[in-house]
């Protein structure tokens, strides 16, 4: 083998391996983006579908997740709870969850009503309860995301660090549907609400794919430059 060929053997092998890895990684990110795009389309379709009325009959929690729902009833403020360690625009806050006794049924559904600013030096806030019957428009889903539990005392009266729905349901004198409804409409209670449309992160995967393909292009350019230099050096020797 000529000296120039031997000099390019290992750089060629390394370039080929790196090129294969970066192209495969870029392709994987494109595949993930396509999967997330299809998932986002399904999420958006569920949100755009006609609202489902909750009337107290048993529901399939998985089938309801991400669907718009409507429910009418009266709030049971005696069993209202406050999730601790939340914030609103940089201020410490509680997340307010109140069971709504469904009109015409002996079943309730837990409503995530929004957030209220916390007063560190005062008692728990008194959240106004709209007169019954009240209609809630919202999104059905799982309990709010868990936060760090700062102590083993995860329940202190009405203050909970995280929501364990079965544990909470066991404290009620009536049945509870296995979903939490995030309230969207204003009922004049002064709570802060800001529902964010779920985003599956398609753009993130497209960005990663671009980075991998850019690395592949860089490898090709560097190899071509190295090959050209070796050719010039061989011709001048």
C-alpha atoms as a PDB file:
ATOM      1  CA  UNK A   1       0.000   0.000   0.000  1.00  0.00           C
ATOM      2  CA  UNK A   2       1.312   3.454  -0.876  1.00  0.00           C
ATOM      3  CA  UNK A   3       2.453   5.681   1.985  1.00  0.00           C
ATOM      4  CA  UNK A   4      -0.351   8.187   1.259  1.00  0.00           C
ATOM      5  CA  UNK A   5      -2.946   5.414   1.366  1.00  0.00           C
ATOM      6  CA  UNK A   6      -1.584   4.089   4.668  1.00  0.00           C
ATOM      7  CA  UNK A   7      -1.681   7.618   6.073  1.00  0.00           C
ATOM      8  CA  UNK A   8      -5.389   7.922   5.291  1.00  0.00           C
ATOM      9  CA  UNK A   9      -6.436   4.442   6.413  1.00  0.00           C
ATOM     10  CA  UNK A  10      -7.193   5.150  10.070  1.00  0.00           C
ATOM     11  CA  UNK A  11      -8.622   8.641   9.479  1.00  0.00           C
ATOM     12  CA  UNK A  12     -10.898   7.057   6.849  1.00  0.00           C
ATOM     13  CA  UNK A  13     -12.042   4.304   9.243  1.00  0.00           C
ATOM     14  CA  UNK A  14     -12.631   6.832  12.046  1.00  0.00           C
ATOM     15  CA  UNK A  15     -14.520   9.181   9.717  1.00  0.00           C
ATOM     16  CA  UNK A  16     -16.698   6.343   8.426  1.00  0.00           C
ATOM     17  CA  UNK A  17     -17.563   5.179  11.948  1.00  0.00           C
ATOM     18  CA  UNK A  18     -18.313   8.674  13.188  1.00  0.00           C
ATOM     19  CA  UNK A  19     -20.366   9.403  10.078  1.00  0.00           C
ATOM     20  CA  UNK A  20     -22.417   6.241  10.591  1.00  0.00           C
ATOM     21  CA  UNK A  21     -23.043   7.095  14.255  1.00  0.00           C
ATOM     22  CA  UNK A  22     -24.084  10.709  13.600  1.00  0.00           C
ATOM     23  CA  UNK A  23     -26.349   9.786  10.670  1.00  0.00           C
ATOM     24  CA  UNK A  24     -28.001   7.025  12.726  1.00  0.00           C
ATOM     25  CA  UNK A  25     -28.502   9.384  15.660  1.00  0.00           C
ATOM     26  CA  UNK A  26     -29.986  12.040  13.382  1.00  0.00           C
ATOM     27  CA  UNK A  27     -32.330   9.484  11.812  1.00  0.00           C
ATOM     28  CA  UNK A  28     -33.410   8.303  15.283  1.00  0.00           C
ATOM     29  CA  UNK A  29     -34.229  11.877  16.285  1.00  0.00           C
ATOM     30  CA  UNK A  30     -36.283  12.340  13.102  1.00  0.00           C
ATOM     31  CA  UNK A  31     -38.181   9.136  13.901  1.00  0.00           C
ATOM     32  CA  UNK A  32     -38.830  10.392  17.434  1.00  0.00           C
ATOM     33  CA  UNK A  33     -40.038  13.719  16.040  1.00  0.00           C
ATOM     34  CA  UNK A  34     -42.464  11.893  13.747  1.00  0.00           C
ATOM     35  CA  UNK A  35     -43.757   9.796  16.662  1.00  0.00           C
ATOM     36  CA  UNK A  36     -44.176  12.913  18.811  1.00  0.00           C
ATOM     37  CA  UNK A  37     -45.911  14.722  15.931  1.00  0.00           C
ATOM     38  CA  UNK A  38     -48.473  11.911  15.693  1.00  0.00           C
ATOM     39  CA  UNK A  39     -48.884  11.948  19.475  1.00  0.00           C
ATOM     40  CA  UNK A  40     -49.404  15.724  19.442  1.00  0.00           C
ATOM     41  CA  UNK A  41     -52.042  15.321  16.739  1.00  0.00           C
ATOM     42  CA  UNK A  42     -53.912  12.822  18.919  1.00  0.00           C
ATOM     43  CA  UNK A  43     -53.695  15.140  21.941  1.00  0.00           C
ATOM     44  CA  UNK A  44     -54.971  18.104  19.932  1.00  0.00           C
ATOM     45  CA  UNK A  45     -57.813  16.022  18.480  1.00  0.00           C
ATOM     46  CA  UNK A  46     -58.921  15.042  21.998  1.00  0.00           C
ATOM     47  CA  UNK A  47     -58.855  18.680  23.090  1.00  0.00           C
ATOM     48  CA  UNK A  48     -60.900  19.781  20.070  1.00  0.00           C
ATOM     49  CA  UNK A  49     -63.546  17.087  20.500  1.00  0.00           C
ATOM     50  CA  UNK A  50     -66.917  17.959  21.986  1.00  0.00           C
ATOM     51  CA  UNK A  51     -66.897  18.124  25.816  1.00  0.00           C
ATOM     52  CA  UNK A  52     -68.008  15.038  27.722  1.00  0.00           C
ATOM     53  CA  UNK A  53     -70.635  15.556  30.409  1.00  0.00           C
ATOM     54  CA  UNK A  54     -69.823  13.989  33.761  1.00  0.00           C
ATOM     55  CA  UNK A  55     -73.091  12.897  35.313  1.00  0.00           C
ATOM     56  CA  UNK A  56     -71.872  10.665  38.117  1.00  0.00           C
ATOM     57  CA  UNK A  57     -71.750   7.407  36.189  1.00  0.00           C
ATOM     58  CA  UNK A  58     -68.472   5.409  36.346  1.00  0.00           C
ATOM     59  CA  UNK A  59     -65.785   6.616  33.951  1.00  0.00           C
ATOM     60  CA  UNK A  60     -62.649   5.172  32.381  1.00  0.00           C
ATOM     61  CA  UNK A  61     -59.844   7.424  33.641  1.00  0.00           C
ATOM     62  CA  UNK A  62     -57.495   6.502  30.785  1.00  0.00           C
ATOM     63  CA  UNK A  63     -60.145   7.165  28.130  1.00  0.00           C
ATOM     64  CA  UNK A  64     -60.990  10.540  29.676  1.00  0.00           C
ATOM     65  CA  UNK A  65     -57.425  11.787  30.047  1.00  0.00           C
ATOM     66  CA  UNK A  66     -56.877  14.940  28.038  1.00  0.00           C
ATOM     67  CA  UNK A  67     -60.558  15.303  27.125  1.00  0.00           C
ATOM     68  CA  UNK A  68     -62.630  18.418  27.685  1.00  0.00           C
ATOM     69  CA  UNK A  69     -65.397  17.793  30.196  1.00  0.00           C
ATOM     70  CA  UNK A  70     -68.337  19.639  31.704  1.00  0.00           C
ATOM     71  CA  UNK A  71     -69.823  18.952  35.103  1.00  0.00           C
ATOM     72  CA  UNK A  72     -72.463  20.685  37.215  1.00  0.00           C
ATOM     73  CA  UNK A  73     -72.884  20.467  40.968  1.00  0.00           C
ATOM     74  CA  UNK A  74     -71.948  22.072  44.255  1.00  0.00           C
ATOM     75  CA  UNK A  75     -68.554  22.444  45.859  1.00  0.00           C
ATOM     76  CA  UNK A  76     -67.881  20.691  49.169  1.00  0.00           C
ATOM     77  CA  UNK A  77     -65.512  23.184  50.800  1.00  0.00           C
ATOM     78  CA  UNK A  78     -65.420  21.109  54.005  1.00  0.00           C
ATOM     79  CA  UNK A  79     -63.216  18.588  52.190  1.00  0.00           C
ATOM     80  CA  UNK A  80     -61.182  21.133  50.237  1.00  0.00           C
ATOM     81  CA  UNK A  81     -57.408  20.632  50.313  1.00  0.00           C
ATOM     82  CA  UNK A  82     -54.403  22.821  49.548  1.00  0.00           C
ATOM     83  CA  UNK A  83     -51.335  21.413  47.816  1.00  0.00           C
ATOM     84  CA  UNK A  84     -48.212  22.954  49.303  1.00  0.00           C
ATOM     85  CA  UNK A  85     -44.910  24.034  47.672  1.00  0.00           C
ATOM     86  CA  UNK A  86     -46.505  25.596  44.605  1.00  0.00           C
ATOM     87  CA  UNK A  87     -45.880  29.045  43.177  1.00  0.00           C
ATOM     88  CA  UNK A  88     -47.549  31.704  41.066  1.00  0.00           C
ATOM     89  CA  UNK A  89     -45.427  34.229  39.145  1.00  0.00           C
ATOM     90  CA  UNK A  90     -42.605  33.828  41.634  1.00  0.00           C
ATOM     91  CA  UNK A  91     -44.783  33.986  44.747  1.00  0.00           C
ATOM     92  CA  UNK A  92     -45.357  31.021  47.068  1.00  0.00           C
ATOM     93  CA  UNK A  93     -48.838  29.634  46.573  1.00  0.00           C
ATOM     94  CA  UNK A  94     -51.221  26.805  47.301  1.00  0.00           C
ATOM     95  CA  UNK A  95     -52.983  24.770  44.651  1.00  0.00           C
ATOM     96  CA  UNK A  96     -56.660  24.550  45.585  1.00  0.00           C
ATOM     97  CA  UNK A  97     -58.549  21.296  45.015  1.00  0.00           C
ATOM     98  CA  UNK A  98     -62.201  21.003  45.947  1.00  0.00           C
ATOM     99  CA  UNK A  99     -64.590  18.080  45.409  1.00  0.00           C
ATOM    100  CA  UNK A 100     -67.671  18.918  43.380  1.00  0.00           C
ATOM    101  CA  UNK A 101     -70.756  16.884  44.269  1.00  0.00           C
ATOM    102  CA  UNK A 102     -72.294  16.118  40.891  1.00  0.00           C
ATOM    103  CA  UNK A 103     -75.841  17.308  40.445  1.00  0.00           C
ATOM    104  CA  UNK A 104     -78.327  14.452  40.613  1.00  0.00           C
ATOM    105  CA  UNK A 105     -75.760  11.934  41.853  1.00  0.00           C
ATOM    106  CA  UNK A 106     -74.084  10.827  45.080  1.00  0.00           C
ATOM    107  CA  UNK A 107     -70.669  10.976  43.445  1.00  0.00           C
ATOM    108  CA  UNK A 108     -68.083  13.762  43.348  1.00  0.00           C
ATOM    109  CA  UNK A 109     -65.203  14.717  41.099  1.00  0.00           C
ATOM    110  CA  UNK A 110     -62.135  16.566  42.337  1.00  0.00           C
ATOM    111  CA  UNK A 111     -61.669  19.986  40.725  1.00  0.00           C
ATOM    112  CA  UNK A 112     -58.241  21.610  40.422  1.00  0.00           C
ATOM    113  CA  UNK A 113     -59.556  25.148  40.785  1.00  0.00           C
ATOM    114  CA  UNK A 114     -56.298  27.099  40.500  1.00  0.00           C
ATOM    115  CA  UNK A 115     -53.745  28.724  42.788  1.00  0.00           C
ATOM    116  CA  UNK A 116     -53.949  31.204  45.626  1.00  0.00           C
ATOM    117  CA  UNK A 117     -51.043  33.261  46.979  1.00  0.00           C
ATOM    118  CA  UNK A 118     -49.797  31.973  50.311  1.00  0.00           C
ATOM    119  CA  UNK A 119     -49.501  34.204  53.375  1.00  0.00           C
ATOM    120  CA  UNK A 120     -46.651  32.789  55.456  1.00  0.00           C
ATOM    121  CA  UNK A 121     -47.762  34.651  58.569  1.00  0.00           C
ATOM    122  CA  UNK A 122     -51.498  34.107  58.287  1.00  0.00           C
ATOM    123  CA  UNK A 123     -54.012  31.263  58.345  1.00  0.00           C
ATOM    124  CA  UNK A 124     -55.052  29.243  55.348  1.00  0.00           C
ATOM    125  CA  UNK A 125     -56.843  31.396  52.783  1.00  0.00           C
ATOM    126  CA  UNK A 126     -60.603  31.240  52.542  1.00  0.00           C
ATOM    127  CA  UNK A 127     -61.475  30.528  48.924  1.00  0.00           C
ATOM    128  CA  UNK A 128     -64.900  31.825  47.820  1.00  0.00           C
ATOM    129  CA  UNK A 129     -67.321  29.107  46.792  1.00  0.00           C
ATOM    130  CA  UNK A 130     -69.639  30.010  43.907  1.00  0.00           C
ATOM    131  CA  UNK A 131     -73.331  29.389  44.575  1.00  0.00           C
ATOM    132  CA  UNK A 132     -74.770  26.072  43.490  1.00  0.00           C
ATOM    133  CA  UNK A 133     -75.369  24.833  40.968  1.00  0.00           C
ATOM    134  CA  UNK A 134     -72.051  25.742  39.364  1.00  0.00           C
ATOM    135  CA  UNK A 135     -70.898  24.495  35.987  1.00  0.00           C
ATOM    136  CA  UNK A 136     -67.224  23.654  35.545  1.00  0.00           C
ATOM    137  CA  UNK A 137     -65.576  23.485  32.142  1.00  0.00           C
ATOM    138  CA  UNK A 138     -62.228  21.756  32.278  1.00  0.00           C
ATOM    139  CA  UNK A 139     -59.735  19.138  31.194  1.00  0.00           C
ATOM    140  CA  UNK A 140     -59.778  15.659  32.726  1.00  0.00           C
ATOM    141  CA  UNK A 141     -56.447  14.207  33.680  1.00  0.00           C
ATOM    142  CA  UNK A 142     -54.299  12.599  36.351  1.00  0.00           C
ATOM    143  CA  UNK A 143     -53.514  14.273  39.706  1.00  0.00           C
ATOM    144  CA  UNK A 144     -51.156  17.294  39.610  1.00  0.00           C
ATOM    145  CA  UNK A 145     -47.457  16.500  39.345  1.00  0.00           C
ATOM    146  CA  UNK A 146     -45.622  15.597  42.510  1.00  0.00           C
ATOM    147  CA  UNK A 147     -43.195  17.968  44.186  1.00  0.00           C
ATOM    148  CA  UNK A 148     -40.447  17.299  46.672  1.00  0.00           C
ATOM    149  CA  UNK A 149     -41.902  16.246  50.005  1.00  0.00           C
ATOM    150  CA  UNK A 150     -40.059  18.301  52.590  1.00  0.00           C
ATOM    151  CA  UNK A 151     -41.038  16.149  55.566  1.00  0.00           C
ATOM    152  CA  UNK A 152     -42.536  12.786  56.420  1.00  0.00           C
ATOM    153  CA  UNK A 153     -45.679  14.603  57.555  1.00  0.00           C
ATOM    154  CA  UNK A 154     -47.161  14.755  54.078  1.00  0.00           C
ATOM    155  CA  UNK A 155     -50.660  15.669  55.302  1.00  0.00           C
ATOM    156  CA  UNK A 156     -51.337  18.415  57.845  1.00  0.00           C
ATOM    157  CA  UNK A 157     -55.073  18.967  58.031  1.00  0.00           C
ATOM    158  CA  UNK A 158     -56.104  20.585  54.774  1.00  0.00           C
ATOM    159  CA  UNK A 159     -52.518  21.011  53.579  1.00  0.00           C
ATOM    160  CA  UNK A 160     -51.088  18.170  51.515  1.00  0.00           C
ATOM    161  CA  UNK A 161     -47.625  18.125  50.001  1.00  0.00           C
ATOM    162  CA  UNK A 162     -48.787  15.904  47.124  1.00  0.00           C
ATOM    163  CA  UNK A 163     -52.093  14.439  46.038  1.00  0.00           C
ATOM    164  CA  UNK A 164     -52.562  10.692  46.379  1.00  0.00           C
ATOM    165  CA  UNK A 165     -56.013  10.323  44.838  1.00  0.00           C
ATOM    166  CA  UNK A 166     -56.955   6.930  46.380  1.00  0.00           C
ATOM    167  CA  UNK A 167     -55.754   8.101  49.802  1.00  0.00           C
ATOM    168  CA  UNK A 168     -57.731  11.314  49.453  1.00  0.00           C
ATOM    169  CA  UNK A 169     -60.847   9.446  48.244  1.00  0.00           C
ATOM    170  CA  UNK A 170     -60.712   7.312  51.393  1.00  0.00           C
ATOM    171  CA  UNK A 171     -61.239  10.460  53.514  1.00  0.00           C
ATOM    172  CA  UNK A 172     -64.549  11.317  51.831  1.00  0.00           C
ATOM    173  CA  UNK A 173     -68.046  10.223  52.877  1.00  0.00           C
ATOM    174  CA  UNK A 174     -69.016   9.681  49.221  1.00  0.00           C
ATOM    175  CA  UNK A 175     -67.546   8.142  46.081  1.00  0.00           C
ATOM    176  CA  UNK A 176     -65.026  10.019  43.950  1.00  0.00           C
ATOM    177  CA  UNK A 177     -64.433   9.685  40.215  1.00  0.00           C
ATOM    178  CA  UNK A 178     -60.859   8.526  39.427  1.00  0.00           C
ATOM    179  CA  UNK A 179     -59.888  11.732  37.571  1.00  0.00           C
ATOM    180  CA  UNK A 180     -59.009  15.311  38.410  1.00  0.00           C
ATOM    181  CA  UNK A 181     -60.616  18.087  36.375  1.00  0.00           C
ATOM    182  CA  UNK A 182     -58.458  21.143  35.740  1.00  0.00           C
ATOM    183  CA  UNK A 183     -60.889  24.084  35.760  1.00  0.00           C
ATOM    184  CA  UNK A 184     -60.753  26.440  32.784  1.00  0.00           C
ATOM    185  CA  UNK A 185     -63.735  28.758  33.222  1.00  0.00           C
ATOM    186  CA  UNK A 186     -63.880  31.689  35.640  1.00  0.00           C
ATOM    187  CA  UNK A 187     -66.328  31.249  38.504  1.00  0.00           C
ATOM    188  CA  UNK A 188     -65.513  34.529  40.253  1.00  0.00           C
ATOM    189  CA  UNK A 189     -63.411  32.977  43.008  1.00  0.00           C
ATOM    190  CA  UNK A 190     -60.270  35.064  42.412  1.00  0.00           C
ATOM    191  CA  UNK A 191     -58.019  32.046  41.892  1.00  0.00           C
ATOM    192  CA  UNK A 192     -55.169  32.124  39.395  1.00  0.00           C
ATOM    193  CA  UNK A 193     -55.508  29.749  36.447  1.00  0.00           C
ATOM    194  CA  UNK A 194     -53.141  29.256  33.535  1.00  0.00           C
ATOM    195  CA  UNK A 195     -53.659  25.983  31.729  1.00  0.00           C
ATOM    196  CA  UNK A 196     -50.870  25.149  29.268  1.00  0.00           C
ATOM    197  CA  UNK A 197     -51.536  23.047  26.185  1.00  0.00           C
ATOM    198  CA  UNK A 198     -49.511  19.809  26.375  1.00  0.00           C
ATOM    199  CA  UNK A 199     -46.465  19.913  24.102  1.00  0.00           C
ATOM    200  CA  UNK A 200     -44.806  16.629  23.115  1.00  0.00           C
ATOM    201  CA  UNK A 201     -41.537  18.346  22.128  1.00  0.00           C
ATOM    202  CA  UNK A 202     -41.437  17.851  18.354  1.00  0.00           C
ATOM    203  CA  UNK A 203     -39.241  20.918  17.854  1.00  0.00           C
ATOM    204  CA  UNK A 204     -36.734  19.620  20.402  1.00  0.00           C
ATOM    205  CA  UNK A 205     -36.188  16.410  18.442  1.00  0.00           C
ATOM    206  CA  UNK A 206     -35.917  18.310  15.161  1.00  0.00           C
ATOM    207  CA  UNK A 207     -33.273  20.510  16.771  1.00  0.00           C
ATOM    208  CA  UNK A 208     -31.315  17.468  17.944  1.00  0.00           C
ATOM    209  CA  UNK A 209     -31.571  15.928  14.467  1.00  0.00           C
ATOM    210  CA  UNK A 210     -30.187  19.112  12.917  1.00  0.00           C
ATOM    211  CA  UNK A 211     -27.236  19.017  15.340  1.00  0.00           C
ATOM    212  CA  UNK A 212     -26.412  15.407  14.483  1.00  0.00           C
ATOM    213  CA  UNK A 213     -26.639  16.004  10.732  1.00  0.00           C
ATOM    214  CA  UNK A 214     -24.515  19.137  11.126  1.00  0.00           C
ATOM    215  CA  UNK A 215     -21.884  17.014  12.876  1.00  0.00           C
ATOM    216  CA  UNK A 216     -22.050  14.509   9.993  1.00  0.00           C
ATOM    217  CA  UNK A 217     -21.526  17.328   7.484  1.00  0.00           C
ATOM    218  CA  UNK A 218     -18.578  18.611   9.543  1.00  0.00           C
ATOM    219  CA  UNK A 219     -16.975  15.161   9.502  1.00  0.00           C
ATOM    220  CA  UNK A 220     -17.307  14.974   5.719  1.00  0.00           C
ATOM    221  CA  UNK A 221     -15.831  18.465   5.269  1.00  0.00           C
ATOM    222  CA  UNK A 222     -12.898  17.739   7.599  1.00  0.00           C
ATOM    223  CA  UNK A 223     -12.184  14.464   5.814  1.00  0.00           C
ATOM    224  CA  UNK A 224     -12.247  16.150   2.389  1.00  0.00           C
ATOM    225  CA  UNK A 225      -9.882  18.872   3.639  1.00  0.00           C
ATOM    226  CA  UNK A 226      -7.527  16.253   5.125  1.00  0.00           C
ATOM    227  CA  UNK A 227      -7.625  14.212   1.915  1.00  0.00           C
ATOM    228  CA  UNK A 228      -6.877  17.287  -0.212  1.00  0.00           C
ATOM    229  CA  UNK A 229      -3.916  18.238   1.995  1.00  0.00           C
ATOM    230  CA  UNK A 230      -2.489  14.707   1.802  1.00  0.00           C
ATOM    231  CA  UNK A 231      -2.846  14.759  -2.012  1.00  0.00           C
ATOM    232  CA  UNK A 232      -1.044  18.102  -2.280  1.00  0.00           C
ATOM    233  CA  UNK A 233       1.692  16.915   0.066  1.00  0.00           C
ATOM    234  CA  UNK A 234       2.171  13.719  -1.979  1.00  0.00           C
ATOM    235  CA  UNK A 235       2.338  15.676  -5.244  1.00  0.00           C
ATOM    236  CA  UNK A 236       4.922  18.101  -3.910  1.00  0.00           C
ATOM    237  CA  UNK A 237       7.202  15.378  -2.473  1.00  0.00           C
END
